[in-house]
PDB file of N, CA and C in Angstrom:
ATOM      1  N   MET A   1       0.840  -1.187   0.000  1.00  0.00           N
ATOM      2  CA  MET A   1       0.000   0.000   0.000  1.00  0.00           C
ATOM      3  C   MET A   1       0.884   1.248   0.000  1.00  0.00           C
ATOM      4  N   THR A   2       0.620   2.167  -0.897  1.00  0.00           N
ATOM      5  CA  THR A   2       1.382   3.399  -0.996  1.00  0.00           C
ATOM      6  C   THR A   2       0.802   4.444  -0.051  1.00  0.00           C
ATOM      7  N   GLU A   3       1.656   5.033   0.753  1.00  0.00           N
ATOM      8  CA  GLU A   3       1.205   6.085   1.660  1.00  0.00           C
ATOM      9  C   GLU A   3       1.153   7.401   0.906  1.00  0.00           C
ATOM     10  N   PRO A   4       0.109   8.202   1.142  1.00  0.00           N
ATOM     11  CA  PRO A   4       0.038   9.504   0.482  1.00  0.00           C
ATOM     12  C   PRO A   4       1.114  10.445   1.025  1.00  0.00           C
ATOM     13  N   THR A   5       1.535  11.361   0.197  1.00  0.00           N
ATOM     14  CA  THR A   5       2.497  12.378   0.607  1.00  0.00           C
ATOM     15  C   THR A   5       1.743  13.566   1.184  1.00  0.00           C
ATOM     16  N   ILE A   6       2.156  14.013   2.337  1.00  0.00           N
ATOM     17  CA  ILE A   6       1.544  15.194   2.952  1.00  0.00           C
ATOM     18  C   ILE A   6       2.350  16.412   2.521  1.00  0.00           C
ATOM     19  N   GLN A   7       1.711  17.294   1.727  1.00  0.00           N
ATOM     20  CA  GLN A   7       2.382  18.516   1.292  1.00  0.00           C
ATOM     21  C   GLN A   7       2.504  19.508   2.449  1.00  0.00           C
ATOM     22  N   ASP A   8       1.419  19.658   3.197  1.00  0.00           N
ATOM     23  CA  ASP A   8       1.382  20.533   4.359  1.00  0.00           C
ATOM     24  C   ASP A   8       0.121  20.208   5.148  1.00  0.00           C
ATOM     25  N   PHE A   9      -0.101  20.951   6.202  1.00  0.00           N
ATOM     26  CA  PHE A   9      -1.325  20.837   6.985  1.00  0.00           C
ATOM     27  C   PHE A   9      -2.030  22.181   6.952  1.00  0.00           C
ATOM     28  N   HIS A  10      -3.354  22.147   6.960  1.00  0.00           N
ATOM     29  CA  HIS A  10      -4.148  23.358   7.113  1.00  0.00           C
ATOM     30  C   HIS A  10      -4.782  23.317   8.492  1.00  0.00           C
ATOM     31  N   ALA A  11      -4.622  24.382   9.235  1.00  0.00           N
ATOM     32  CA  ALA A  11      -5.278  24.527  10.533  1.00  0.00           C
ATOM     33  C   ALA A  11      -6.234  25.707  10.403  1.00  0.00           C
ATOM     34  N   HIS A  12      -7.522  25.432  10.478  1.00  0.00           N
ATOM     35  CA  HIS A  12      -8.559  26.448  10.313  1.00  0.00           C
ATOM     36  C   HIS A  12      -9.086  26.856  11.683  1.00  0.00           C
ATOM     37  N   ILE A  13      -8.944  28.122  12.021  1.00  0.00           N
ATOM     38  CA  ILE A  13      -9.543  28.648  13.243  1.00  0.00           C
ATOM     39  C   ILE A  13     -10.973  29.039  12.897  1.00  0.00           C
ATOM     40  N   TYR A  14     -11.944  28.489  13.615  1.00  0.00           N
ATOM     41  CA  TYR A  14     -13.352  28.830  13.406  1.00  0.00           C
ATOM     42  C   TYR A  14     -13.755  29.922  14.387  1.00  0.00           C
ATOM     43  N   PHE A  15     -14.632  30.821  13.922  1.00  0.00           N
ATOM     44  CA  PHE A  15     -15.078  31.905  14.798  1.00  0.00           C
ATOM     45  C   PHE A  15     -16.454  32.407  14.391  1.00  0.00           C
ATOM     46  N   ASP A  16     -17.132  32.974  15.363  1.00  0.00           N
ATOM     47  CA  ASP A  16     -18.386  33.688  15.168  1.00  0.00           C
ATOM     48  C   ASP A  16     -18.053  35.176  15.165  1.00  0.00           C
ATOM     49  N   PRO A  17     -19.009  36.055  14.787  1.00  0.00           N
ATOM     50  CA  PRO A  17     -18.701  37.493  14.736  1.00  0.00           C
ATOM     51  C   PRO A  17     -18.081  38.047  16.025  1.00  0.00           C
ATOM     52  N   ALA A  18     -18.541  37.594  17.160  1.00  0.00           N
ATOM     53  CA  ALA A  18     -18.010  38.102  18.432  1.00  0.00           C
ATOM     54  C   ALA A  18     -16.601  37.588  18.729  1.00  0.00           C
ATOM     55  N   GLU A  19     -16.115  36.631  17.944  1.00  0.00           N
ATOM     56  CA  GLU A  19     -14.805  36.018  18.190  1.00  0.00           C
ATOM     57  C   GLU A  19     -13.737  36.422  17.172  1.00  0.00           C
ATOM     58  N   VAL A  20     -14.068  37.367  16.287  1.00  0.00           N
ATOM     59  CA  VAL A  20     -13.131  37.733  15.216  1.00  0.00           C
ATOM     60  C   VAL A  20     -11.812  38.248  15.783  1.00  0.00           C
ATOM     61  N   GLU A  21     -11.878  39.183  16.715  1.00  0.00           N
ATOM     62  CA  GLU A  21     -10.640  39.764  17.251  1.00  0.00           C
ATOM     63  C   GLU A  21      -9.799  38.717  17.979  1.00  0.00           C
ATOM     64  N   ARG A  22     -10.456  37.821  18.714  1.00  0.00           N
ATOM     65  CA  ARG A  22      -9.734  36.753  19.411  1.00  0.00           C
ATOM     66  C   ARG A  22      -9.063  35.821  18.400  1.00  0.00           C
ATOM     67  N   SER A  23      -9.763  35.525  17.296  1.00  0.00           N
ATOM     68  CA  SER A  23      -9.172  34.647  16.281  1.00  0.00           C
ATOM     69  C   SER A  23      -7.994  35.328  15.582  1.00  0.00           C
ATOM     70  N   LYS A  24      -8.097  36.631  15.359  1.00  0.00           N
ATOM     71  CA  LYS A  24      -6.978  37.365  14.758  1.00  0.00           C
ATOM     72  C   LYS A  24      -5.763  37.352  15.679  1.00  0.00           C
ATOM     73  N   ALA A  25      -6.004  37.521  16.977  1.00  0.00           N
ATOM     74  CA  ALA A  25      -4.897  37.499  17.940  1.00  0.00           C
ATOM     75  C   ALA A  25      -4.246  36.117  17.986  1.00  0.00           C
ATOM     76  N   LEU A  26      -5.056  35.067  17.938  1.00  0.00           N
ATOM     77  CA  LEU A  26      -4.508  33.708  17.953  1.00  0.00           C
ATOM     78  C   LEU A  26      -3.703  33.440  16.686  1.00  0.00           C
ATOM     79  N   ALA A  27      -4.243  33.804  15.532  1.00  0.00           N
ATOM     80  CA  ALA A  27      -3.526  33.591  14.270  1.00  0.00           C
ATOM     81  C   ALA A  27      -2.199  34.348  14.266  1.00  0.00           C
ATOM     82  N   LYS A  28      -2.206  35.584  14.771  1.00  0.00           N
ATOM     83  CA  LYS A  28      -0.965  36.366  14.834  1.00  0.00           C
ATOM     84  C   LYS A  28       0.041  35.711  15.773  1.00  0.00           C
ATOM     85  N   ALA A  29      -0.433  35.191  16.898  1.00  0.00           N
ATOM     86  CA  ALA A  29       0.470  34.518  17.837  1.00  0.00           C
ATOM     87  C   ALA A  29       1.121  33.298  17.193  1.00  0.00           C
ATOM     88  N   VAL A  30       0.341  32.519  16.452  1.00  0.00           N
ATOM     89  CA  VAL A  30       0.889  31.338  15.773  1.00  0.00           C
ATOM     90  C   VAL A  30       1.883  31.772  14.691  1.00  0.00           C
ATOM     91  N   GLN A  31       1.520  32.800  13.938  1.00  0.00           N
ATOM     92  CA  GLN A  31       2.413  33.297  12.890  1.00  0.00           C
ATOM     93  C   GLN A  31       3.729  33.806  13.490  1.00  0.00           C
ATOM     94  N   ASP A  32       3.636  34.582  14.566  1.00  0.00           N
ATOM     95  CA  ASP A  32       4.841  35.132  15.192  1.00  0.00           C
ATOM     96  C   ASP A  32       5.718  34.041  15.806  1.00  0.00           C
ATOM     97  N   LYS A  33       5.096  33.063  16.440  1.00  0.00           N
ATOM     98  CA  LYS A  33       5.846  32.018  17.148  1.00  0.00           C
ATOM     99  C   LYS A  33       6.454  30.989  16.200  1.00  0.00           C
ATOM    100  N   PHE A  34       5.712  30.632  15.132  1.00  0.00           N
ATOM    101  CA  PHE A  34       6.143  29.527  14.269  1.00  0.00           C
ATOM    102  C   PHE A  34       6.434  29.936  12.823  1.00  0.00           C
ATOM    103  N   GLY A  35       6.097  31.164  12.437  1.00  0.00           N
ATOM    104  CA  GLY A  35       6.354  31.622  11.077  1.00  0.00           C
ATOM    105  C   GLY A  35       5.453  31.018  10.018  1.00  0.00           C
ATOM    106  N   VAL A  36       4.272  30.522  10.420  1.00  0.00           N
ATOM    107  CA  VAL A  36       3.365  29.907   9.448  1.00  0.00           C
ATOM    108  C   VAL A  36       2.586  30.981   8.686  1.00  0.00           C
ATOM    109  N   ALA A  37       2.158  30.635   7.481  1.00  0.00           N
ATOM    110  CA  ALA A  37       1.366  31.544   6.662  1.00  0.00           C
ATOM    111  C   ALA A  37      -0.070  31.583   7.169  1.00  0.00           C
ATOM    112  N   VAL A  38      -0.620  32.789   7.247  1.00  0.00           N
ATOM    113  CA  VAL A  38      -2.010  32.990   7.663  1.00  0.00           C
ATOM    114  C   VAL A  38      -2.765  33.576   6.479  1.00  0.00           C
ATOM    115  N   GLY A  39      -3.889  32.959   6.144  1.00  0.00           N
ATOM    116  CA  GLY A  39      -4.675  33.391   5.000  1.00  0.00           C
ATOM    117  C   GLY A  39      -5.690  34.469   5.336  1.00  0.00           C
ATOM    118  N   HIS A  40      -6.678  34.591   4.470  1.00  0.00           N
ATOM    119  CA  HIS A  40      -7.741  35.591   4.580  1.00  0.00           C
ATOM    120  C   HIS A  40      -8.733  35.201   5.671  1.00  0.00           C
ATOM    121  N   PHE A  41      -9.237  36.176   6.394  1.00  0.00           N
ATOM    122  CA  PHE A  41     -10.284  35.935   7.390  1.00  0.00           C
ATOM    123  C   PHE A  41     -11.631  35.969   6.684  1.00  0.00           C
ATOM    124  N   HIS A  42     -12.254  34.823   6.579  1.00  0.00           N
ATOM    125  CA  HIS A  42     -13.574  34.696   5.960  1.00  0.00           C
ATOM    126  C   HIS A  42     -14.618  34.869   7.053  1.00  0.00           C
ATOM    127  N   LEU A  43     -15.417  35.922   6.969  1.00  0.00           N
ATOM    128  CA  LEU A  43     -16.393  36.221   8.016  1.00  0.00           C
ATOM    129  C   LEU A  43     -17.648  35.369   7.913  1.00  0.00           C
ATOM    130  N   ALA A  44     -17.826  34.705   6.798  1.00  0.00           N
ATOM    131  CA  ALA A  44     -18.981  33.818   6.582  1.00  0.00           C
ATOM    132  C   ALA A  44     -18.447  32.442   6.178  1.00  0.00           C
ATOM    133  N   PRO A  45     -19.280  31.414   6.262  1.00  0.00           N
ATOM    134  CA  PRO A  45     -18.832  30.078   5.841  1.00  0.00           C
ATOM    135  C   PRO A  45     -18.303  30.089   4.404  1.00  0.00           C
ATOM    136  N   VAL A  46     -17.251  29.324   4.170  1.00  0.00           N
ATOM    137  CA  VAL A  46     -16.667  29.195   2.836  1.00  0.00           C
ATOM    138  C   VAL A  46     -16.205  27.749   2.680  1.00  0.00           C
ATOM    139  N   GLY A  47     -16.347  27.209   1.478  1.00  0.00           N
ATOM    140  CA  GLY A  47     -15.958  25.817   1.248  1.00  0.00           C
ATOM    141  C   GLY A  47     -16.736  24.896   2.168  1.00  0.00           C
ATOM    142  N   PRO A  48     -16.063  23.936   2.780  1.00  0.00           N
ATOM    143  CA  PRO A  48     -16.771  23.001   3.656  1.00  0.00           C
ATOM    144  C   PRO A  48     -16.967  23.524   5.081  1.00  0.00           C
ATOM    145  N   HIS A  49     -16.433  24.697   5.367  1.00  0.00           N
ATOM    146  CA  HIS A  49     -16.387  25.185   6.745  1.00  0.00           C
ATOM    147  C   HIS A  49     -17.714  25.822   7.170  1.00  0.00           C
ATOM    148  N   PRO A  50     -18.206  25.465   8.370  1.00  0.00           N
ATOM    149  CA  PRO A  50     -19.551  25.865   8.790  1.00  0.00           C
ATOM    150  C   PRO A  50     -19.669  27.273   9.355  1.00  0.00           C
ATOM    151  N   ARG A  51     -18.547  27.925   9.627  1.00  0.00           N
ATOM    152  CA  ARG A  51     -18.570  29.260  10.233  1.00  0.00           C
ATOM    153  C   ARG A  51     -17.466  30.102   9.621  1.00  0.00           C
ATOM    154  N   GLY A  52     -17.329  31.313  10.107  1.00  0.00           N
ATOM    155  CA  GLY A  52     -16.197  32.120   9.714  1.00  0.00           C
ATOM    156  C   GLY A  52     -14.917  31.366  10.050  1.00  0.00           C
ATOM    157  N   SER A  53     -13.870  31.602   9.248  1.00  0.00           N
ATOM    158  CA  SER A  53     -12.625  30.868   9.488  1.00  0.00           C
ATOM    159  C   SER A  53     -11.437  31.576   8.856  1.00  0.00           C
ATOM    160  N   VAL A  54     -10.275  31.196   9.330  1.00  0.00           N
ATOM    161  CA  VAL A  54      -9.017  31.604   8.718  1.00  0.00           C
ATOM    162  C   VAL A  54      -8.136  30.366   8.656  1.00  0.00           C
ATOM    163  N   GLN A  55      -7.417  30.222   7.556  1.00  0.00           N
ATOM    164  CA  GLN A  55      -6.538  29.065   7.359  1.00  0.00           C
ATOM    165  C   GLN A  55      -5.096  29.439   7.655  1.00  0.00           C
ATOM    166  N   MET A  56      -4.444  28.594   8.436  1.00  0.00           N
ATOM    167  CA  MET A  56      -3.002  28.695   8.643  1.00  0.00           C
ATOM    168  C   MET A  56      -2.373  27.487   7.953  1.00  0.00           C
ATOM    169  N   THR A  57      -1.351  27.713   7.142  1.00  0.00           N
ATOM    170  CA  THR A  57      -0.682  26.632   6.425  1.00  0.00           C
ATOM    171  C   THR A  57       0.588  26.257   7.181  1.00  0.00           C
ATOM    172  N   VAL A  58       0.641  24.993   7.618  1.00  0.00           N
ATOM    173  CA  VAL A  58       1.713  24.533   8.500  1.00  0.00           C
ATOM    174  C   VAL A  58       2.544  23.467   7.781  1.00  0.00           C
ATOM    175  N   PRO A  59       3.849  23.681   7.633  1.00  0.00           N
ATOM    176  CA  PRO A  59       4.698  22.648   7.036  1.00  0.00           C
ATOM    177  C   PRO A  59       4.695  21.384   7.899  1.00  0.00           C
ATOM    178  N   PRO A  60       4.821  20.214   7.272  1.00  0.00           N
ATOM    179  CA  PRO A  60       4.792  18.960   8.038  1.00  0.00           C
ATOM    180  C   PRO A  60       5.802  18.907   9.187  1.00  0.00           C
ATOM    181  N   ASP A  61       6.988  19.475   8.979  1.00  0.00           N
ATOM    182  CA  ASP A  61       8.008  19.404  10.030  1.00  0.00           C
ATOM    183  C   ASP A  61       7.701  20.285  11.238  1.00  0.00           C
ATOM    184  N   LEU A  62       6.729  21.196  11.107  1.00  0.00           N
ATOM    185  CA  LEU A  62       6.329  22.055  12.230  1.00  0.00           C
ATOM    186  C   LEU A  62       5.011  21.631  12.859  1.00  0.00           C
ATOM    187  N   PHE A  63       4.279  20.733  12.209  1.00  0.00           N
ATOM    188  CA  PHE A  63       2.917  20.448  12.668  1.00  0.00           C
ATOM    189  C   PHE A  63       2.874  19.956  14.112  1.00  0.00           C
ATOM    190  N   GLY A  64       3.771  19.085  14.505  1.00  0.00           N
ATOM    191  CA  GLY A  64       3.771  18.576  15.875  1.00  0.00           C
ATOM    192  C   GLY A  64       3.919  19.687  16.899  1.00  0.00           C
ATOM    193  N   ARG A  65       4.831  20.614  16.644  1.00  0.00           N
ATOM    194  CA  ARG A  65       5.044  21.736  17.570  1.00  0.00           C
ATOM    195  C   ARG A  65       3.850  22.670  17.586  1.00  0.00           C
ATOM    196  N   VAL A  66       3.317  22.990  16.400  1.00  0.00           N
ATOM    197  CA  VAL A  66       2.161  23.887  16.327  1.00  0.00           C
ATOM    198  C   VAL A  66       0.953  23.244  17.005  1.00  0.00           C
ATOM    199  N   ALA A  67       0.707  21.973  16.720  1.00  0.00           N
ATOM    200  CA  ALA A  67      -0.443  21.277  17.307  1.00  0.00           C
ATOM    201  C   ALA A  67      -0.324  21.206  18.826  1.00  0.00           C
ATOM    202  N   THR A  68       0.868  20.922  19.319  1.00  0.00           N
ATOM    203  CA  THR A  68       1.080  20.863  20.766  1.00  0.00           C
ATOM    204  C   THR A  68       0.774  22.209  21.408  1.00  0.00           C
ATOM    205  N   TRP A  69       1.222  23.276  20.784  1.00  0.00           N
ATOM    206  CA  TRP A  69       0.982  24.620  21.310  1.00  0.00           C
ATOM    207  C   TRP A  69      -0.506  24.967  21.252  1.00  0.00           C
ATOM    208  N   LEU A  70      -1.157  24.681  20.111  1.00  0.00           N
ATOM    209  CA  LEU A  70      -2.583  24.995  19.969  1.00  0.00           C
ATOM    210  C   LEU A  70      -3.455  24.216  20.949  1.00  0.00           C
ATOM    211  N   ALA A  71      -3.040  23.019  21.302  1.00  0.00           N
ATOM    212  CA  ALA A  71      -3.839  22.190  22.212  1.00  0.00           C
ATOM    213  C   ALA A  71      -4.117  22.905  23.527  1.00  0.00           C
ATOM    214  N   VAL A  72      -3.203  23.754  23.964  1.00  0.00           N
ATOM    215  CA  VAL A  72      -3.385  24.433  25.249  1.00  0.00           C
ATOM    216  C   VAL A  72      -3.443  25.955  25.132  1.00  0.00           C
ATOM    217  N   ASN A  73      -3.359  26.487  23.914  1.00  0.00           N
ATOM    218  CA  ASN A  73      -3.354  27.944  23.717  1.00  0.00           C
ATOM    219  C   ASN A  73      -4.364  28.392  22.665  1.00  0.00           C
ATOM    220  N   ARG A  74      -5.477  27.684  22.524  1.00  0.00           N
ATOM    221  CA  ARG A  74      -6.416  27.984  21.438  1.00  0.00           C
ATOM    222  C   ARG A  74      -7.423  29.068  21.796  1.00  0.00           C
ATOM    223  N   ALA A  75      -7.315  29.661  22.974  1.00  0.00           N
ATOM    224  CA  ALA A  75      -8.162  30.783  23.397  1.00  0.00           C
ATOM    225  C   ALA A  75      -9.648  30.443  23.366  1.00  0.00           C
ATOM    226  N   GLY A  76      -9.979  29.185  23.622  1.00  0.00           N
ATOM    227  CA  GLY A  76     -11.381  28.775  23.639  1.00  0.00           C
ATOM    228  C   GLY A  76     -12.008  28.624  22.266  1.00  0.00           C
ATOM    229  N   LEU A  77     -11.223  28.778  21.209  1.00  0.00           N
ATOM    230  CA  LEU A  77     -11.732  28.669  19.842  1.00  0.00           C
ATOM    231  C   LEU A  77     -11.605  27.232  19.345  1.00  0.00           C
ATOM    232  N   THR A  78     -12.451  26.874  18.392  1.00  0.00           N
ATOM    233  CA  THR A  78     -12.365  25.560  17.756  1.00  0.00           C
ATOM    234  C   THR A  78     -11.417  25.648  16.569  1.00  0.00           C
ATOM    235  N   ILE A  79     -10.540  24.664  16.458  1.00  0.00           N
ATOM    236  CA  ILE A  79      -9.597  24.605  15.342  1.00  0.00           C
ATOM    237  C   ILE A  79      -9.720  23.246  14.679  1.00  0.00           C
ATOM    238  N   PHE A  80      -9.899  23.280  13.365  1.00  0.00           N
ATOM    239  CA  PHE A  80      -9.977  22.075  12.539  1.00  0.00           C
ATOM    240  C   PHE A  80      -8.684  21.997  11.737  1.00  0.00           C
ATOM    241  N   ALA A  81      -7.914  20.943  11.941  1.00  0.00           N
ATOM    242  CA  ALA A  81      -6.657  20.771  11.211  1.00  0.00           C
ATOM    243  C   ALA A  81      -6.722  19.502  10.377  1.00  0.00           C
ATOM    244  N   HIS A  82      -6.152  19.571   9.184  1.00  0.00           N
ATOM    245  CA  HIS A  82      -6.142  18.395   8.311  1.00  0.00           C
ATOM    246  C   HIS A  82      -4.893  18.375   7.444  1.00  0.00           C
ATOM    247  N   ALA A  83      -4.514  17.178   7.052  1.00  0.00           N
ATOM    248  CA  ALA A  83      -3.410  17.003   6.117  1.00  0.00           C
ATOM    249  C   ALA A  83      -3.858  17.438   4.725  1.00  0.00           C
ATOM    250  N   SER A  84      -2.904  17.829   3.902  1.00  0.00           N
ATOM    251  CA  SER A  84      -3.164  18.138   2.493  1.00  0.00           C
ATOM    252  C   SER A  84      -2.378  17.141   1.650  1.00  0.00           C
ATOM    253  N   THR A  85      -3.102  16.137   1.148  1.00  0.00           N
ATOM    254  CA  THR A  85      -2.468  15.081   0.352  1.00  0.00           C
ATOM    255  C   THR A  85      -2.884  15.122  -1.110  1.00  0.00           C
ATOM    256  N   GLY A  86      -3.862  15.980  -1.431  1.00  0.00           N
ATOM    257  CA  GLY A  86      -4.419  16.005  -2.776  1.00  0.00           C
ATOM    258  C   GLY A  86      -5.751  15.292  -2.874  1.00  0.00           C
ATOM    259  N   ASP A  87      -6.140  14.569  -1.839  1.00  0.00           N
ATOM    260  CA  ASP A  87      -7.443  13.900  -1.790  1.00  0.00           C
ATOM    261  C   ASP A  87      -8.314  14.686  -0.808  1.00  0.00           C
ATOM    262  N   ASP A  88      -9.003  15.705  -1.323  1.00  0.00           N
ATOM    263  CA  ASP A  88      -9.732  16.638  -0.458  1.00  0.00           C
ATOM    264  C   ASP A  88     -10.758  15.962   0.440  1.00  0.00           C
ATOM    265  N   ARG A  89     -11.514  15.027  -0.104  1.00  0.00           N
ATOM    266  CA  ARG A  89     -12.528  14.351   0.723  1.00  0.00           C
ATOM    267  C   ARG A  89     -11.855  13.597   1.876  1.00  0.00           C
ATOM    268  N   GLN A  90     -10.848  12.818   1.570  1.00  0.00           N
ATOM    269  CA  GLN A  90     -10.134  12.059   2.602  1.00  0.00           C
ATOM    270  C   GLN A  90      -9.476  13.002   3.614  1.00  0.00           C
ATOM    271  N   ASP A  91      -8.887  14.075   3.098  1.00  0.00           N
ATOM    272  CA  ASP A  91      -8.205  15.022   3.983  1.00  0.00           C
ATOM    273  C   ASP A  91      -9.163  15.704   4.951  1.00  0.00           C
ATOM    274  N   HIS A  92     -10.419  15.915   4.537  1.00  0.00           N
ATOM    275  CA  HIS A  92     -11.394  16.603   5.387  1.00  0.00           C
ATOM    276  C   HIS A  92     -12.260  15.651   6.216  1.00  0.00           C
ATOM    277  N   THR A  93     -12.104  14.341   6.019  1.00  0.00           N
ATOM    278  CA  THR A  93     -12.928  13.385   6.771  1.00  0.00           C
ATOM    279  C   THR A  93     -12.107  12.421   7.622  1.00  0.00           C
ATOM    280  N   HIS A  94     -10.936  12.028   7.157  1.00  0.00           N
ATOM    281  CA  HIS A  94     -10.142  11.025   7.868  1.00  0.00           C
ATOM    282  C   HIS A  94      -8.787  11.541   8.354  1.00  0.00           C
ATOM    283  N   ASN A  95      -8.195  12.453   7.610  1.00  0.00           N
ATOM    284  CA  ASN A  95      -6.857  12.946   7.953  1.00  0.00           C
ATOM    285  C   ASN A  95      -6.966  14.231   8.773  1.00  0.00           C
ATOM    286  N   VAL A  96      -7.720  14.164   9.872  1.00  0.00           N
ATOM    287  CA  VAL A  96      -8.099  15.369  10.614  1.00  0.00           C
ATOM    288  C   VAL A  96      -7.745  15.282  12.094  1.00  0.00           C
ATOM    289  N   VAL A  97      -7.648  16.458  12.689  1.00  0.00           N
ATOM    290  CA  VAL A  97      -7.515  16.625  14.137  1.00  0.00           C
ATOM    291  C   VAL A  97      -8.385  17.819  14.520  1.00  0.00           C
ATOM    292  N   TRP A  98      -9.166  17.662  15.570  1.00  0.00           N
ATOM    293  CA  TRP A  98      -9.971  18.767  16.095  1.00  0.00           C
ATOM    294  C   TRP A  98      -9.391  19.227  17.428  1.00  0.00           C
ATOM    295  N   PHE A  99      -9.291  20.528  17.598  1.00  0.00           N
ATOM    296  CA  PHE A  99      -8.969  21.130  18.889  1.00  0.00           C
ATOM    297  C   PHE A  99     -10.237  21.851  19.317  1.00  0.00           C
ATOM    298  N   GLY A 100     -10.866  21.362  20.369  1.00  0.00           N
ATOM    299  CA  GLY A 100     -12.186  21.848  20.746  1.00  0.00           C
ATOM    300  C   GLY A 100     -13.222  20.949  20.113  1.00  0.00           C
ATOM    301  N   PRO A 101     -14.493  21.312  20.263  1.00  0.00           N
ATOM    302  CA  PRO A 101     -15.558  20.451  19.738  1.00  0.00           C
ATOM    303  C   PRO A 101     -15.532  20.375  18.212  1.00  0.00           C
ATOM    304  N   SER A 102     -15.784  19.181  17.685  1.00  0.00           N
ATOM    305  CA  SER A 102     -15.858  19.033  16.227  1.00  0.00           C
ATOM    306  C   SER A 102     -17.164  19.632  15.728  1.00  0.00           C
ATOM    307  N   GLU A 103     -17.172  20.024  14.466  1.00  0.00           N
ATOM    308  CA  GLU A 103     -18.350  20.622  13.840  1.00  0.00           C
ATOM    309  C   GLU A 103     -18.597  19.931  12.506  1.00  0.00           C
ATOM    310  N   ALA A 104     -19.852  19.906  12.097  1.00  0.00           N
ATOM    311  CA  ALA A 104     -20.215  19.276  10.823  1.00  0.00           C
ATOM    312  C   ALA A 104     -19.697  20.120   9.662  1.00  0.00           C
ATOM    313  N   LEU A 105     -19.041  19.469   8.724  1.00  0.00           N
ATOM    314  CA  LEU A 105     -18.559  20.132   7.513  1.00  0.00           C
ATOM    315  C   LEU A 105     -19.534  19.884   6.375  1.00  0.00           C
ATOM    316  N   ASP A 106     -19.548  20.783   5.399  1.00  0.00           N
ATOM    317  CA  ASP A 106     -20.355  20.596   4.189  1.00  0.00           C
ATOM    318  C   ASP A 106     -19.493  19.857   3.166  1.00  0.00           C
ATOM    319  N   LEU A 107     -19.589  18.544   3.175  1.00  0.00           N
ATOM    320  CA  LEU A 107     -18.751  17.727   2.295  1.00  0.00           C
ATOM    321  C   LEU A 107     -19.290  17.641   0.873  1.00  0.00           C
ATOM    322  N   SER A 108     -20.446  18.230   0.604  1.00  0.00           N
ATOM    323  CA  SER A 108     -21.038  18.164  -0.737  1.00  0.00           C
ATOM    324  C   SER A 108     -20.149  18.827  -1.785  1.00  0.00           C
ATOM    325  N   ILE A 109     -19.282  19.725  -1.382  1.00  0.00           N
ATOM    326  CA  ILE A 109     -18.420  20.396  -2.360  1.00  0.00           C
ATOM    327  C   ILE A 109     -17.372  19.459  -2.951  1.00  0.00           C
ATOM    328  N   PHE A 110     -17.176  18.307  -2.329  1.00  0.00           N
ATOM    329  CA  PHE A 110     -16.182  17.354  -2.814  1.00  0.00           C
ATOM    330  C   PHE A 110     -16.767  16.318  -3.763  1.00  0.00           C
ATOM    331  N   GLY A 111     -18.014  16.517  -4.187  1.00  0.00           N
ATOM    332  CA  GLY A 111     -18.636  15.624  -5.164  1.00  0.00           C
ATOM    333  C   GLY A 111     -19.207  14.359  -4.627  1.00  0.00           C
TER     334      GLY A 111
END
């Protein structure tokens, strides 16, 4: 069996309108501490994500450190992290880690 190659990990911070500033502070802290790329803050659901979110792109060699830090420093926010292997459905359903309560994703976009 061939193992998929993980290009990177995406860690999505989920937030409601009242949590935008807290999510921005958390994303900045992760960026400053680990040098990861932080994407656009989507104030409404986008793609499979059920709420507002921002994506942080984490290289595989940093994921363990970032995940360990987020486990205890997530500021009460939910974070959905997944591997990026090129198989979007698998990456969003099986290759995942939740920090905080899991939330239902809209998987219909994956066909």
